[in-house]
Every structure is written in C-alpha cells, then in structure tokens.
Amino acid sequence: MKLTDFYNEVSRHTDTAKTAITVADTKRVLSEAFIVLAKMDAAEFADTVSKGVAQAKKKLGK
C-alpha cells in the first residue's frame, strides 16, 4: 500500500458525521505520529506498534 493510500484510507474511517476531520487534518496527524515513531529506537518502536496493533485487533473483535 502506498503511503498516500494509507492516509486516504485512515481519513475515510475518521471522517464521520460526528467528527468532521478532513484528509489534510488526518495526513498532518499521521505525519506527526510517524515523526514521533522515527525518534524511537528499534525496541521502543516495535513495542509501541505492537501495542497499537493489539488495541486495534480488540476493536475489530479479533
């Protein structure tokens, strides 16, 4: 998946009737998140991503 496709997919999920979030807002937040992740060492990065994916799987019911 291209990074732009990733940004657009996330934007489609976050822009709802209750939370009007633009694609630009989503891209800006994700860009900052990647900057924070880039500052981490490999172990901290892996731990953070692992925990995030685990939380996402709970939301998906997996």
N, C-alpha and C. Protein backbone atom coordinates (compact mmCIF):
# COMPACT_ATOMS: atom_id res chain seq x y z
N MET A 1 0.85 -1.18 0.00
CA MET A 1 0.00 0.00 0.00
C MET A 1 0.89 1.24 0.00
N LYS A 2 0.57 2.17 -0.85
CA LYS A 2 1.30 3.44 -0.88
C LYS A 2 0.94 4.25 0.36
N LEU A 3 1.85 5.10 0.79
CA LEU A 3 1.60 5.93 1.97
C LEU A 3 0.38 6.82 1.77
N THR A 4 0.23 7.39 0.59
CA THR A 4 -0.93 8.23 0.31
C THR A 4 -2.22 7.43 0.42
N ASP A 5 -2.21 6.21 -0.06
CA ASP A 5 -3.39 5.35 0.05
C ASP A 5 -3.72 5.06 1.52
N PHE A 6 -2.66 4.86 2.30
CA PHE A 6 -2.84 4.65 3.74
C PHE A 6 -3.49 5.86 4.38
N TYR A 7 -2.96 7.05 4.10
CA TYR A 7 -3.54 8.29 4.63
C TYR A 7 -5.01 8.42 4.24
N ASN A 8 -5.31 8.16 2.98
CA ASN A 8 -6.69 8.30 2.49
C ASN A 8 -7.63 7.29 3.14
N GLU A 9 -7.14 6.06 3.33
CA GLU A 9 -7.97 5.02 3.98
C GLU A 9 -8.27 5.42 5.43
N VAL A 10 -7.26 5.88 6.14
CA VAL A 10 -7.48 6.33 7.52
C VAL A 10 -8.46 7.49 7.54
N SER A 11 -8.32 8.41 6.62
CA SER A 11 -9.22 9.56 6.55
C SER A 11 -10.66 9.13 6.33
N ARG A 12 -10.87 8.14 5.48
CA ARG A 12 -12.24 7.64 5.24
C ARG A 12 -12.85 7.08 6.53
N HIS A 13 -12.05 6.47 7.37
CA HIS A 13 -12.55 5.90 8.61
C HIS A 13 -12.80 6.96 9.69
N THR A 14 -12.04 8.04 9.67
CA THR A 14 -12.15 9.03 10.74
C THR A 14 -13.15 10.14 10.43
N ASP A 15 -13.42 10.40 9.18
CA ASP A 15 -14.35 11.46 8.81
C ASP A 15 -15.77 10.92 8.85
N THR A 16 -16.44 11.16 9.97
CA THR A 16 -17.81 10.68 10.15
C THR A 16 -18.73 11.86 10.40
N ALA A 17 -20.01 11.60 10.50
CA ALA A 17 -20.98 12.67 10.77
C ALA A 17 -20.69 13.34 12.12
N LYS A 18 -20.19 12.55 13.08
CA LYS A 18 -19.92 13.10 14.42
C LYS A 18 -18.59 13.83 14.49
N THR A 19 -17.62 13.43 13.68
CA THR A 19 -16.30 14.05 13.71
C THR A 19 -15.89 14.41 12.29
N ALA A 20 -16.07 15.65 11.93
CA ALA A 20 -15.71 16.10 10.59
C ALA A 20 -14.21 16.39 10.54
N ILE A 21 -13.44 15.40 10.11
CA ILE A 21 -11.99 15.51 10.02
C ILE A 21 -11.62 15.44 8.55
N THR A 22 -10.91 16.43 8.09
CA THR A 22 -10.54 16.47 6.67
C THR A 22 -9.36 15.55 6.39
N VAL A 23 -9.14 15.27 5.12
CA VAL A 23 -8.00 14.47 4.70
C VAL A 23 -6.71 15.18 5.12
N ALA A 24 -6.68 16.50 4.96
CA ALA A 24 -5.48 17.27 5.33
C ALA A 24 -5.19 17.13 6.83
N ASP A 25 -6.24 17.19 7.65
CA ASP A 25 -6.06 17.02 9.10
C ASP A 25 -5.51 15.63 9.41
N THR A 26 -6.07 14.63 8.78
CA THR A 26 -5.63 13.26 9.01
C THR A 26 -4.17 13.09 8.61
N LYS A 27 -3.80 13.61 7.44
CA LYS A 27 -2.43 13.50 6.97
C LYS A 27 -1.46 14.21 7.91
N ARG A 28 -1.85 15.36 8.41
CA ARG A 28 -1.00 16.12 9.32
C ARG A 28 -0.77 15.34 10.61
N VAL A 29 -1.82 14.77 11.17
CA VAL A 29 -1.70 13.99 12.42
C VAL A 29 -0.85 12.74 12.19
N LEU A 30 -1.11 12.01 11.10
CA LEU A 30 -0.32 10.81 10.82
C LEU A 30 1.14 11.16 10.57
N SER A 31 1.40 12.25 9.88
CA SER A 31 2.77 12.68 9.64
C SER A 31 3.49 12.93 10.96
N GLU A 32 2.83 13.60 11.88
CA GLU A 32 3.44 13.85 13.20
C GLU A 32 3.64 12.55 13.97
N ALA A 33 2.70 11.62 13.84
CA ALA A 33 2.85 10.33 14.51
C ALA A 33 4.08 9.60 13.98
N PHE A 34 4.30 9.64 12.65
CA PHE A 34 5.47 8.99 12.07
C PHE A 34 6.76 9.67 12.54
N ILE A 35 6.73 10.97 12.73
CA ILE A 35 7.91 11.68 13.24
C ILE A 35 8.23 11.20 14.65
N VAL A 36 7.22 11.06 15.49
CA VAL A 36 7.43 10.57 16.85
C VAL A 36 7.99 9.15 16.80
N LEU A 37 7.43 8.29 15.96
CA LEU A 37 7.92 6.92 15.84
C LEU A 37 9.37 6.88 15.34
N ALA A 38 9.71 7.77 14.43
CA ALA A 38 11.06 7.80 13.87
C ALA A 38 12.11 8.15 14.91
N LYS A 39 11.71 8.85 15.95
CA LYS A 39 12.65 9.24 17.01
C LYS A 39 12.93 8.11 18.00
N MET A 40 12.14 7.03 17.93
CA MET A 40 12.29 5.92 18.87
C MET A 40 13.38 4.97 18.41
N ASP A 41 14.00 4.28 19.38
CA ASP A 41 14.92 3.22 18.98
C ASP A 41 14.07 2.02 18.54
N ALA A 42 14.72 1.05 17.95
CA ALA A 42 14.00 -0.09 17.35
C ALA A 42 13.12 -0.83 18.34
N ALA A 43 13.62 -1.06 19.56
CA ALA A 43 12.84 -1.81 20.55
C ALA A 43 11.59 -1.05 20.98
N GLU A 44 11.76 0.24 21.24
CA GLU A 44 10.61 1.05 21.65
C GLU A 44 9.59 1.16 20.52
N PHE A 45 10.10 1.33 19.29
CA PHE A 45 9.23 1.40 18.12
C PHE A 45 8.41 0.12 17.99
N ALA A 46 9.09 -1.02 18.06
CA ALA A 46 8.40 -2.30 17.92
C ALA A 46 7.37 -2.50 19.02
N ASP A 47 7.72 -2.13 20.25
CA ASP A 47 6.79 -2.27 21.37
C ASP A 47 5.56 -1.39 21.19
N THR A 48 5.79 -0.16 20.77
CA THR A 48 4.68 0.79 20.57
C THR A 48 3.75 0.32 19.46
N VAL A 49 4.32 -0.08 18.34
CA VAL A 49 3.50 -0.54 17.21
C VAL A 49 2.76 -1.82 17.59
N SER A 50 3.43 -2.71 18.28
CA SER A 50 2.80 -3.96 18.72
C SER A 50 1.59 -3.68 19.61
N LYS A 51 1.75 -2.77 20.56
CA LYS A 51 0.64 -2.42 21.45
C LYS A 51 -0.50 -1.76 20.69
N GLY A 52 -0.16 -0.91 19.73
CA GLY A 52 -1.20 -0.26 18.92
C GLY A 52 -1.98 -1.24 18.09
N VAL A 53 -1.28 -2.19 17.50
CA VAL A 53 -1.95 -3.22 16.69
C VAL A 53 -2.82 -4.11 17.58
N ALA A 54 -2.34 -4.43 18.77
CA ALA A 54 -3.13 -5.25 19.70
C ALA A 54 -4.43 -4.53 20.07
N GLN A 55 -4.35 -3.22 20.30
CA GLN A 55 -5.57 -2.46 20.62
C GLN A 55 -6.51 -2.44 19.43
N ALA A 56 -5.96 -2.29 18.25
CA ALA A 56 -6.80 -2.27 17.04
C ALA A 56 -7.50 -3.60 16.85
N LYS A 57 -6.81 -4.70 17.10
CA LYS A 57 -7.42 -6.02 16.95
C LYS A 57 -8.57 -6.20 17.93
N LYS A 58 -8.44 -5.64 19.13
CA LYS A 58 -9.55 -5.70 20.10
C LYS A 58 -10.77 -4.97 19.56
N LYS A 59 -10.55 -3.83 18.91
CA LYS A 59 -11.67 -3.07 18.33
C LYS A 59 -12.33 -3.84 17.20
N LEU A 60 -11.51 -4.63 16.49
CA LEU A 60 -12.05 -5.43 15.39
C LEU A 60 -12.69 -6.72 15.89
N GLY A 61 -12.49 -7.02 17.16
CA GLY A 61 -13.05 -8.24 17.73
C GLY A 61 -12.23 -9.47 17.41
N LYS A 62 -10.93 -9.27 17.20
CA LYS A 62 -10.06 -10.41 16.85
C LYS A 62 -9.16 -10.75 18.00
